[in-house]
Amino acid sequence: MAKVKIELVKSTIGCKKDQIATVEALGLKKLHSQVVHEVNPAIEGMIFKVKHLVKVEAQED
């Protein structure tokens, strides 16, 4: 399956509580932290919800 690397590039200070929870659910804790996830509809929805806070790159296998 395809993988994506997600990096938190903007702080969650001042964001809505559901957006903060989504960032935490993705596994991002601090600014510039990175995680790799397999692409599925749930992950795509989470990325869409916080697209203004994260940077997404395609990860090669």
N, C-alpha and C. Protein backbone atom coordinates (compact mmCIF):
# COMPACT_ATOMS: atom_id res chain seq x y z
N MET A 1 0.83 -1.19 0.00
CA MET A 1 0.00 0.00 0.00
C MET A 1 0.87 1.25 0.00
N ALA A 2 0.30 2.34 -0.45
CA ALA A 2 1.00 3.62 -0.47
C ALA A 2 1.12 4.15 0.96
N LYS A 3 2.19 4.90 1.19
CA LYS A 3 2.41 5.50 2.49
C LYS A 3 2.61 6.99 2.31
N VAL A 4 2.28 7.75 3.36
CA VAL A 4 2.49 9.19 3.37
C VAL A 4 3.24 9.58 4.63
N LYS A 5 4.10 10.59 4.48
CA LYS A 5 4.80 11.16 5.64
C LYS A 5 4.09 12.46 5.97
N ILE A 6 3.69 12.61 7.21
CA ILE A 6 2.94 13.78 7.67
C ILE A 6 3.79 14.52 8.69
N GLU A 7 3.93 15.84 8.51
CA GLU A 7 4.72 16.66 9.42
C GLU A 7 3.86 17.81 9.93
N LEU A 8 3.89 18.04 11.23
CA LEU A 8 3.17 19.15 11.84
C LEU A 8 4.00 20.42 11.65
N VAL A 9 3.51 21.37 10.86
CA VAL A 9 4.29 22.58 10.55
C VAL A 9 3.69 23.85 11.17
N LYS A 10 2.52 23.76 11.75
CA LYS A 10 1.90 24.91 12.39
C LYS A 10 1.33 24.48 13.73
N SER A 11 1.43 25.34 14.71
CA SER A 11 0.98 25.03 16.06
C SER A 11 -0.54 24.87 16.13
N THR A 12 -0.97 24.07 17.08
CA THR A 12 -2.40 23.86 17.29
C THR A 12 -2.99 24.85 18.29
N ILE A 13 -2.19 25.79 18.75
CA ILE A 13 -2.69 26.80 19.69
C ILE A 13 -3.77 27.62 18.99
N GLY A 14 -4.93 27.72 19.61
CA GLY A 14 -6.03 28.48 19.05
C GLY A 14 -6.92 27.69 18.12
N CYS A 15 -6.60 26.43 17.88
CA CYS A 15 -7.43 25.59 17.00
C CYS A 15 -8.62 25.03 17.78
N LYS A 16 -9.59 24.54 17.02
CA LYS A 16 -10.74 23.89 17.64
C LYS A 16 -10.30 22.59 18.30
N LYS A 17 -11.06 22.17 19.31
CA LYS A 17 -10.69 20.98 20.07
C LYS A 17 -10.68 19.72 19.20
N ASP A 18 -11.60 19.64 18.23
CA ASP A 18 -11.62 18.45 17.38
C ASP A 18 -10.41 18.41 16.46
N GLN A 19 -9.88 19.56 16.06
CA GLN A 19 -8.67 19.58 15.23
C GLN A 19 -7.45 19.18 16.05
N ILE A 20 -7.38 19.63 17.29
CA ILE A 20 -6.28 19.25 18.18
C ILE A 20 -6.32 17.74 18.41
N ALA A 21 -7.51 17.19 18.62
CA ALA A 21 -7.64 15.75 18.83
C ALA A 21 -7.23 14.97 17.58
N THR A 22 -7.53 15.50 16.40
CA THR A 22 -7.16 14.84 15.16
C THR A 22 -5.64 14.81 14.99
N VAL A 23 -4.98 15.92 15.30
CA VAL A 23 -3.51 15.97 15.22
C VAL A 23 -2.91 14.95 16.17
N GLU A 24 -3.43 14.86 17.38
CA GLU A 24 -2.92 13.88 18.35
C GLU A 24 -3.20 12.46 17.89
N ALA A 25 -4.35 12.22 17.28
CA ALA A 25 -4.70 10.88 16.79
C ALA A 25 -3.79 10.45 15.64
N LEU A 26 -3.30 11.41 14.89
CA LEU A 26 -2.34 11.09 13.82
C LEU A 26 -0.97 10.72 14.39
N GLY A 27 -0.74 11.03 15.66
CA GLY A 27 0.53 10.69 16.30
C GLY A 27 1.51 11.84 16.34
N LEU A 28 1.03 13.04 16.04
CA LEU A 28 1.90 14.22 16.04
C LEU A 28 1.81 14.90 17.40
N LYS A 29 2.97 15.12 18.03
CA LYS A 29 2.98 15.68 19.37
C LYS A 29 3.54 17.10 19.39
N LYS A 30 4.72 17.28 18.84
CA LYS A 30 5.36 18.59 18.86
C LYS A 30 5.47 19.15 17.45
N LEU A 31 5.74 20.42 17.36
CA LEU A 31 5.96 21.07 16.09
C LEU A 31 7.11 20.40 15.35
N HIS A 32 6.96 20.16 14.08
CA HIS A 32 7.93 19.51 13.18
C HIS A 32 8.12 18.03 13.48
N SER A 33 7.24 17.43 14.26
CA SER A 33 7.29 15.98 14.43
C SER A 33 6.71 15.34 13.17
N GLN A 34 7.20 14.15 12.84
CA GLN A 34 6.79 13.46 11.62
C GLN A 34 6.33 12.05 11.93
N VAL A 35 5.34 11.58 11.16
CA VAL A 35 4.87 10.21 11.26
C VAL A 35 4.63 9.68 9.85
N VAL A 36 4.68 8.36 9.71
CA VAL A 36 4.39 7.72 8.43
C VAL A 36 3.17 6.83 8.62
N HIS A 37 2.17 6.98 7.76
CA HIS A 37 0.95 6.18 7.82
C HIS A 37 0.67 5.59 6.45
N GLU A 38 0.03 4.42 6.45
CA GLU A 38 -0.48 3.87 5.20
C GLU A 38 -1.74 4.64 4.82
N VAL A 39 -1.92 4.85 3.52
CA VAL A 39 -3.06 5.62 3.04
C VAL A 39 -4.32 4.76 3.10
N ASN A 40 -5.34 5.28 3.76
CA ASN A 40 -6.67 4.68 3.76
C ASN A 40 -7.68 5.81 3.95
N PRO A 41 -8.95 5.56 3.74
CA PRO A 41 -9.93 6.65 3.82
C PRO A 41 -9.94 7.39 5.16
N ALA A 42 -9.69 6.69 6.25
CA ALA A 42 -9.69 7.34 7.56
C ALA A 42 -8.54 8.33 7.68
N ILE A 43 -7.35 7.93 7.27
CA ILE A 43 -6.18 8.81 7.32
C ILE A 43 -6.37 9.99 6.38
N GLU A 44 -6.92 9.75 5.19
CA GLU A 44 -7.16 10.84 4.24
C GLU A 44 -8.12 11.88 4.84
N GLY A 45 -9.15 11.42 5.53
CA GLY A 45 -10.10 12.33 6.16
C GLY A 45 -9.46 13.14 7.27
N MET A 46 -8.58 12.50 8.05
CA MET A 46 -7.90 13.21 9.12
C MET A 46 -6.96 14.27 8.56
N ILE A 47 -6.26 13.93 7.49
CA ILE A 47 -5.36 14.89 6.85
C ILE A 47 -6.16 16.07 6.31
N PHE A 48 -7.30 15.79 5.68
CA PHE A 48 -8.13 16.86 5.13
C PHE A 48 -8.61 17.81 6.22
N LYS A 49 -8.92 17.27 7.38
CA LYS A 49 -9.45 18.08 8.48
C LYS A 49 -8.42 19.07 9.02
N VAL A 50 -7.13 18.69 8.99
CA VAL A 50 -6.08 19.56 9.54
C VAL A 50 -5.06 19.94 8.46
N LYS A 51 -5.51 20.04 7.21
CA LYS A 51 -4.60 20.30 6.10
C LYS A 51 -3.86 21.63 6.23
N HIS A 52 -4.41 22.58 6.99
CA HIS A 52 -3.76 23.87 7.18
C HIS A 52 -2.65 23.81 8.23
N LEU A 53 -2.53 22.69 8.94
CA LEU A 53 -1.53 22.55 10.00
C LEU A 53 -0.39 21.61 9.63
N VAL A 54 -0.58 20.80 8.60
CA VAL A 54 0.38 19.74 8.30
C VAL A 54 0.92 19.86 6.87
N LYS A 55 2.07 19.20 6.66
CA LYS A 55 2.65 19.05 5.34
C LYS A 55 2.67 17.55 5.06
N VAL A 56 2.22 17.17 3.85
CA VAL A 56 2.10 15.75 3.51
C VAL A 56 2.97 15.46 2.30
N GLU A 57 3.77 14.39 2.39
CA GLU A 57 4.61 13.95 1.28
C GLU A 57 4.35 12.48 1.03
N ALA A 58 4.42 12.09 -0.24
CA ALA A 58 4.30 10.68 -0.58
C ALA A 58 5.58 9.97 -0.15
N GLN A 59 5.45 8.82 0.43
CA GLN A 59 6.58 8.02 0.91
C GLN A 59 6.79 6.87 -0.04
N GLU A 60 8.00 6.68 -0.50
CA GLU A 60 8.30 5.56 -1.39
C GLU A 60 8.57 4.31 -0.58
N ASP A 61 8.16 3.18 -1.13
CA ASP A 61 8.34 1.89 -0.43
C ASP A 61 9.75 1.39 -0.49
